[in-house]
Amino acid sequence: MSFLTQDKDATIKNTVFEKVETNVDIPLDDMTAYQLYPKYNWVYSTSRLLDMQNIAWSPFARKGMDFELNEFHFVGDSGKIYTEQMFGDHLTTDVAVMKGDIKWAAHHSADKTLLSDLRGDVELVISALTTLYFKKFAGIISVDTIGTKIVAVRLRMSTDMVEKYPEDWLKRVMRIYNRRPWGK
């Protein structure tokens, strides 16, 4: 079985996935992840993520509350969500999770630059998320943050960043999806 894509006959050209065969289903798009992990589909609800963090939001632009538009288009949310303005770096973090424990993490910026250092404050928030809500999950999640606020979670890796990760990373990913230790 090869890596899953939204269209099972499609291949991801010019990437490391093009030549990889595996005996496990590794989601590369949100539709596939949504189908593979029904227990965790709640992460695609931006309003629920915001509520969990006590972040005020509204489906309407509200006068006098200094709300700024943050528009999210993920499965489960239709339309727009307005929140108070969030400050800080906008990062995407790919995280290898095994039963609530973070085994590996890498941050990248909005312009797809892989950051060489990890951000302790962001990692703390993501660690709390995985410890509380991913106790039985084995796989890669992708978490978007602005400052230390989680604004989106996907049950898949950021496929456009894989080429920038260490050489043995893909082998380790396959191990974690097979529920084996992250090791070498």
C-alpha atoms as a PDB file:
ATOM      1  CA  MET A   1       0.000   0.000   0.000  1.00  0.00           C
ATOM      2  CA  SER A   2       1.343   3.430  -0.800  1.00  0.00           C
ATOM      3  CA  PHE A   3       0.872   6.682   1.036  1.00  0.00           C
ATOM      4  CA  LEU A   4      -2.703   7.909   0.905  1.00  0.00           C
ATOM      5  CA  THR A   5      -3.715  11.014  -0.950  1.00  0.00           C
ATOM      6  CA  GLN A   6      -7.115  12.578  -1.462  1.00  0.00           C
ATOM      7  CA  ASP A   7      -7.297  10.905  -4.863  1.00  0.00           C
ATOM      8  CA  LYS A   8      -6.037   7.361  -4.346  1.00  0.00           C
ATOM      9  CA  ASP A   9      -4.815   7.162  -7.952  1.00  0.00           C
ATOM     10  CA  ALA A  10      -2.847  10.394  -7.656  1.00  0.00           C
ATOM     11  CA  THR A  11       0.826  10.512  -6.802  1.00  0.00           C
ATOM     12  CA  ILE A  12       2.730  13.330  -5.237  1.00  0.00           C
ATOM     13  CA  LYS A  13       5.251  14.145  -7.917  1.00  0.00           C
ATOM     14  CA  ASN A  14       8.803  15.211  -7.162  1.00  0.00           C
ATOM     15  CA  THR A  15       8.684  14.362  -3.465  1.00  0.00           C
ATOM     16  CA  VAL A  16      10.037  11.634  -1.236  1.00  0.00           C
ATOM     17  CA  PHE A  17       6.533  10.111  -1.186  1.00  0.00           C
ATOM     18  CA  GLU A  18       6.637   9.266  -4.866  1.00  0.00           C
ATOM     19  CA  LYS A  19       8.853   6.194  -4.331  1.00  0.00           C
ATOM     20  CA  VAL A  20       7.844   5.072  -0.843  1.00  0.00           C
ATOM     21  CA  GLU A  21       5.790   1.970  -0.213  1.00  0.00           C
ATOM     22  CA  THR A  22       4.372   1.240   3.220  1.00  0.00           C
ATOM     23  CA  ASN A  23       1.970  -1.209   4.798  1.00  0.00           C
ATOM     24  CA  VAL A  24       0.211   1.471   6.869  1.00  0.00           C
ATOM     25  CA  ASP A  25      -2.099   4.328   5.978  1.00  0.00           C
ATOM     26  CA  ILE A  26      -0.355   7.668   6.435  1.00  0.00           C
ATOM     27  CA  PRO A  27      -2.665  10.587   5.662  1.00  0.00           C
ATOM     28  CA  LEU A  28      -1.283  13.369   3.493  1.00  0.00           C
ATOM     29  CA  ASP A  29      -4.462  15.443   3.228  1.00  0.00           C
ATOM     30  CA  ASP A  30      -7.224  16.493   5.603  1.00  0.00           C
ATOM     31  CA  MET A  31      -9.977  14.467   3.920  1.00  0.00           C
ATOM     32  CA  THR A  32      -8.051  11.223   4.378  1.00  0.00           C
ATOM     33  CA  ALA A  33      -7.061  12.098   7.958  1.00  0.00           C
ATOM     34  CA  TYR A  34     -10.681  12.922   8.766  1.00  0.00           C
ATOM     35  CA  GLN A  35     -11.749   9.479   7.572  1.00  0.00           C
ATOM     36  CA  LEU A  36      -8.900   7.593   9.287  1.00  0.00           C
ATOM     37  CA  TYR A  37      -9.256   9.211  12.724  1.00  0.00           C
ATOM     38  CA  PRO A  38     -12.956   9.822  13.457  1.00  0.00           C
ATOM     39  CA  LYS A  39     -12.288   9.994  17.218  1.00  0.00           C
ATOM     40  CA  TYR A  40     -10.058  13.045  16.685  1.00  0.00           C
ATOM     41  CA  ASN A  41     -12.152  14.907  14.081  1.00  0.00           C
ATOM     42  CA  TRP A  42     -13.008  17.543  16.687  1.00  0.00           C
ATOM     43  CA  VAL A  43      -9.624  19.186  15.974  1.00  0.00           C
ATOM     44  CA  TYR A  44     -10.990  20.440  12.667  1.00  0.00           C
ATOM     45  CA  SER A  45     -13.505  22.597  14.538  1.00  0.00           C
ATOM     46  CA  THR A  46     -11.758  25.938  14.984  1.00  0.00           C
ATOM     47  CA  SER A  47     -14.441  27.146  17.385  1.00  0.00           C
ATOM     48  CA  ARG A  48     -13.792  24.177  19.697  1.00  0.00           C
ATOM     49  CA  LEU A  49     -10.035  24.821  19.642  1.00  0.00           C
ATOM     50  CA  LEU A  50     -10.637  28.453  20.545  1.00  0.00           C
ATOM     51  CA  ASP A  51     -13.102  27.528  23.317  1.00  0.00           C
ATOM     52  CA  MET A  52     -10.580  25.087  24.837  1.00  0.00           C
ATOM     53  CA  GLN A  53      -8.123  27.972  25.205  1.00  0.00           C
ATOM     54  CA  ASN A  54     -10.698  30.484  26.446  1.00  0.00           C
ATOM     55  CA  ILE A  55     -10.220  32.631  23.350  1.00  0.00           C
ATOM     56  CA  ALA A  56     -13.257  34.788  22.646  1.00  0.00           C
ATOM     57  CA  TRP A  57     -14.621  34.357  19.137  1.00  0.00           C
ATOM     58  CA  SER A  58     -17.704  35.233  17.143  1.00  0.00           C
ATOM     59  CA  PRO A  59     -19.201  34.314  13.768  1.00  0.00           C
ATOM     60  CA  PHE A  60     -19.847  38.048  13.311  1.00  0.00           C
ATOM     61  CA  ALA A  61     -17.617  41.107  13.358  1.00  0.00           C
ATOM     62  CA  ARG A  62     -18.558  42.752  16.661  1.00  0.00           C
ATOM     63  CA  LYS A  63     -18.354  46.489  17.176  1.00  0.00           C
ATOM     64  CA  GLY A  64     -16.450  47.941  20.066  1.00  0.00           C
ATOM     65  CA  MET A  65     -14.594  44.755  20.914  1.00  0.00           C
ATOM     66  CA  ASP A  66     -11.542  45.303  18.704  1.00  0.00           C
ATOM     67  CA  PHE A  67     -12.099  42.008  16.886  1.00  0.00           C
ATOM     68  CA  GLU A  68      -9.927  41.451  13.857  1.00  0.00           C
ATOM     69  CA  LEU A  69     -10.756  38.954  11.151  1.00  0.00           C
ATOM     70  CA  ASN A  70      -8.948  35.653  11.327  1.00  0.00           C
ATOM     71  CA  GLU A  71     -10.396  33.497   8.617  1.00  0.00           C
ATOM     72  CA  PHE A  72      -9.983  29.729   8.805  1.00  0.00           C
ATOM     73  CA  HIS A  73     -11.197  27.269   6.214  1.00  0.00           C
ATOM     74  CA  PHE A  74     -10.922  23.768   7.624  1.00  0.00           C
ATOM     75  CA  VAL A  75     -13.325  20.860   7.702  1.00  0.00           C
ATOM     76  CA  GLY A  76     -16.157  21.518  10.153  1.00  0.00           C
ATOM     77  CA  ASP A  77     -16.095  25.306  10.044  1.00  0.00           C
ATOM     78  CA  SER A  78     -18.116  27.119   7.465  1.00  0.00           C
ATOM     79  CA  GLY A  79     -17.615  30.781   6.898  1.00  0.00           C
ATOM     80  CA  LYS A  80     -15.528  33.065   9.044  1.00  0.00           C
ATOM     81  CA  ILE A  81     -14.528  33.263  12.658  1.00  0.00           C
ATOM     82  CA  TYR A  82     -13.605  36.547  14.260  1.00  0.00           C
ATOM     83  CA  THR A  83     -11.276  36.716  17.249  1.00  0.00           C
ATOM     84  CA  GLU A  84      -9.448  39.386  19.124  1.00  0.00           C
ATOM     85  CA  GLN A  85      -6.208  40.213  17.394  1.00  0.00           C
ATOM     86  CA  MET A  86      -3.487  37.697  18.187  1.00  0.00           C
ATOM     87  CA  PHE A  87       0.139  38.735  18.456  1.00  0.00           C
ATOM     88  CA  GLY A  88       3.332  36.787  17.883  1.00  0.00           C
ATOM     89  CA  ASP A  89       4.914  34.597  15.266  1.00  0.00           C
ATOM     90  CA  HIS A  90       2.664  32.510  13.060  1.00  0.00           C
ATOM     91  CA  LEU A  91       4.230  29.042  13.119  1.00  0.00           C
ATOM     92  CA  THR A  92       3.302  25.602  11.908  1.00  0.00           C
ATOM     93  CA  THR A  93       4.720  22.753  13.973  1.00  0.00           C
ATOM     94  CA  ASP A  94       4.815  19.168  12.800  1.00  0.00           C
ATOM     95  CA  VAL A  95       4.734  16.873  15.828  1.00  0.00           C
ATOM     96  CA  ALA A  96       5.296  13.120  16.038  1.00  0.00           C
ATOM     97  CA  VAL A  97       2.988  11.874  18.800  1.00  0.00           C
ATOM     98  CA  MET A  98       3.015   8.453  20.428  1.00  0.00           C
ATOM     99  CA  LYS A  99       0.319   7.939  23.070  1.00  0.00           C
ATOM    100  CA  GLY A 100       0.326  11.578  24.157  1.00  0.00           C
ATOM    101  CA  ASP A 101       4.111  11.965  24.195  1.00  0.00           C
ATOM    102  CA  ILE A 102       5.924  14.199  21.744  1.00  0.00           C
ATOM    103  CA  LYS A 103       8.708  12.183  20.102  1.00  0.00           C
ATOM    104  CA  TRP A 104       9.824  14.852  17.629  1.00  0.00           C
ATOM    105  CA  ALA A 105       8.827  18.370  16.628  1.00  0.00           C
ATOM    106  CA  ALA A 106       9.872  20.932  14.016  1.00  0.00           C
ATOM    107  CA  HIS A 107       8.655  24.499  13.587  1.00  0.00           C
ATOM    108  CA  HIS A 108       8.422  26.331  10.308  1.00  0.00           C
ATOM    109  CA  SER A 109       7.337  29.863   9.542  1.00  0.00           C
ATOM    110  CA  ALA A 110       4.541  31.013   7.255  1.00  0.00           C
ATOM    111  CA  ASP A 111       7.035  31.310   4.384  1.00  0.00           C
ATOM    112  CA  LYS A 112       7.952  27.580   4.794  1.00  0.00           C
ATOM    113  CA  THR A 113      11.351  28.273   6.374  1.00  0.00           C
ATOM    114  CA  LEU A 114      12.373  25.507   8.744  1.00  0.00           C
ATOM    115  CA  LEU A 115      13.424  27.060  12.038  1.00  0.00           C
ATOM    116  CA  SER A 116      16.607  25.715  13.576  1.00  0.00           C
ATOM    117  CA  ASP A 117      15.515  26.267  17.156  1.00  0.00           C
ATOM    118  CA  LEU A 118      12.459  25.073  19.007  1.00  0.00           C
ATOM    119  CA  ARG A 119      10.251  27.576  20.800  1.00  0.00           C
ATOM    120  CA  GLY A 120       9.764  26.565  24.421  1.00  0.00           C
ATOM    121  CA  ASP A 121       6.569  28.557  24.942  1.00  0.00           C
ATOM    122  CA  VAL A 122       4.923  27.094  21.829  1.00  0.00           C
ATOM    123  CA  GLU A 123       6.151  23.592  22.649  1.00  0.00           C
ATOM    124  CA  LEU A 124       4.625  23.857  26.119  1.00  0.00           C
ATOM    125  CA  VAL A 125       1.184  24.629  24.659  1.00  0.00           C
ATOM    126  CA  ILE A 126       1.482  21.823  22.096  1.00  0.00           C
ATOM    127  CA  SER A 127       2.708  19.408  24.787  1.00  0.00           C
ATOM    128  CA  ALA A 128      -0.376  20.194  26.876  1.00  0.00           C
ATOM    129  CA  LEU A 129      -2.590  19.550  23.823  1.00  0.00           C
ATOM    130  CA  THR A 130      -1.013  16.173  23.066  1.00  0.00           C
ATOM    131  CA  THR A 131      -0.921  15.061  26.707  1.00  0.00           C
ATOM    132  CA  LEU A 132      -4.578  15.917  27.326  1.00  0.00           C
ATOM    133  CA  TYR A 133      -6.206  14.998  24.033  1.00  0.00           C
ATOM    134  CA  PHE A 134      -3.964  12.547  22.132  1.00  0.00           C
ATOM    135  CA  LYS A 135      -3.364   9.850  24.765  1.00  0.00           C
ATOM    136  CA  LYS A 136      -4.059   6.986  22.349  1.00  0.00           C
ATOM    137  CA  PHE A 137      -2.903   8.601  19.104  1.00  0.00           C
ATOM    138  CA  ALA A 138       0.141   7.470  17.126  1.00  0.00           C
ATOM    139  CA  GLY A 139       1.091   9.623  14.164  1.00  0.00           C
ATOM    140  CA  ILE A 140       1.989  13.107  13.007  1.00  0.00           C
ATOM    141  CA  ILE A 141      -0.111  16.175  13.717  1.00  0.00           C
ATOM    142  CA  SER A 142       0.431  19.650  12.365  1.00  0.00           C
ATOM    143  CA  VAL A 143      -0.366  22.560  14.679  1.00  0.00           C
ATOM    144  CA  ASP A 144      -0.693  26.226  13.646  1.00  0.00           C
ATOM    145  CA  THR A 145      -0.028  28.806  16.325  1.00  0.00           C
ATOM    146  CA  ILE A 146      -0.025  32.576  16.548  1.00  0.00           C
ATOM    147  CA  GLY A 147       2.079  33.502  19.538  1.00  0.00           C
ATOM    148  CA  THR A 148       1.138  30.801  22.024  1.00  0.00           C
ATOM    149  CA  LYS A 149      -2.440  30.354  20.814  1.00  0.00           C
ATOM    150  CA  ILE A 150      -3.381  27.258  18.821  1.00  0.00           C
ATOM    151  CA  VAL A 151      -5.472  28.318  15.831  1.00  0.00           C
ATOM    152  CA  ALA A 152      -5.555  25.075  13.809  1.00  0.00           C
ATOM    153  CA  VAL A 153      -4.687  21.389  14.144  1.00  0.00           C
ATOM    154  CA  ARG A 154      -4.477  18.868  11.331  1.00  0.00           C
ATOM    155  CA  LEU A 155      -4.193  15.094  11.752  1.00  0.00           C
ATOM    156  CA  ARG A 156      -1.447  14.877   9.161  1.00  0.00           C
ATOM    157  CA  MET A 157       2.028  16.181   8.432  1.00  0.00           C
ATOM    158  CA  SER A 158       2.855  19.260   6.388  1.00  0.00           C
ATOM    159  CA  THR A 159       3.770  17.419   3.191  1.00  0.00           C
ATOM    160  CA  ASP A 160       5.504  20.417   1.632  1.00  0.00           C
ATOM    161  CA  MET A 161       8.092  20.438   4.450  1.00  0.00           C
ATOM    162  CA  VAL A 162       9.155  16.783   4.403  1.00  0.00           C
ATOM    163  CA  GLU A 163      12.115  17.389   2.064  1.00  0.00           C
ATOM    164  CA  LYS A 164      13.634  19.715   4.687  1.00  0.00           C
ATOM    165  CA  TYR A 165      13.522  17.196   7.558  1.00  0.00           C
ATOM    166  CA  PRO A 166      16.434  14.885   8.499  1.00  0.00           C
ATOM    167  CA  GLU A 167      17.211  12.021   6.135  1.00  0.00           C
ATOM    168  CA  ASP A 168      15.965   9.264   8.447  1.00  0.00           C
ATOM    169  CA  TRP A 169      12.772  11.144   9.361  1.00  0.00           C
ATOM    170  CA  LEU A 170      10.504   9.304   6.926  1.00  0.00           C
ATOM    171  CA  LYS A 171      11.616   5.895   8.225  1.00  0.00           C
ATOM    172  CA  ARG A 172      10.805   7.029  11.753  1.00  0.00           C
ATOM    173  CA  VAL A 173       7.399   8.282  10.664  1.00  0.00           C
ATOM    174  CA  MET A 174       6.555   4.860   9.272  1.00  0.00           C
ATOM    175  CA  ARG A 175       7.620   3.281  12.568  1.00  0.00           C
ATOM    176  CA  ILE A 176       5.337   5.530  14.604  1.00  0.00           C
ATOM    177  CA  TYR A 177       2.337   4.811  12.340  1.00  0.00           C
ATOM    178  CA  ASN A 178       3.072   1.127  12.912  1.00  0.00           C
ATOM    179  CA  ARG A 179       2.962   1.921  16.660  1.00  0.00           C
ATOM    180  CA  ARG A 180       6.613   1.110  17.122  1.00  0.00           C
ATOM    181  CA  PRO A 181       9.134   3.275  19.000  1.00  0.00           C
ATOM    182  CA  TRP A 182      10.254   6.461  17.248  1.00  0.00           C
ATOM    183  CA  GLY A 183      13.938   5.322  17.427  1.00  0.00           C
ATOM    184  CA  LYS A 184      16.231   4.590  14.494  1.00  0.00           C
END
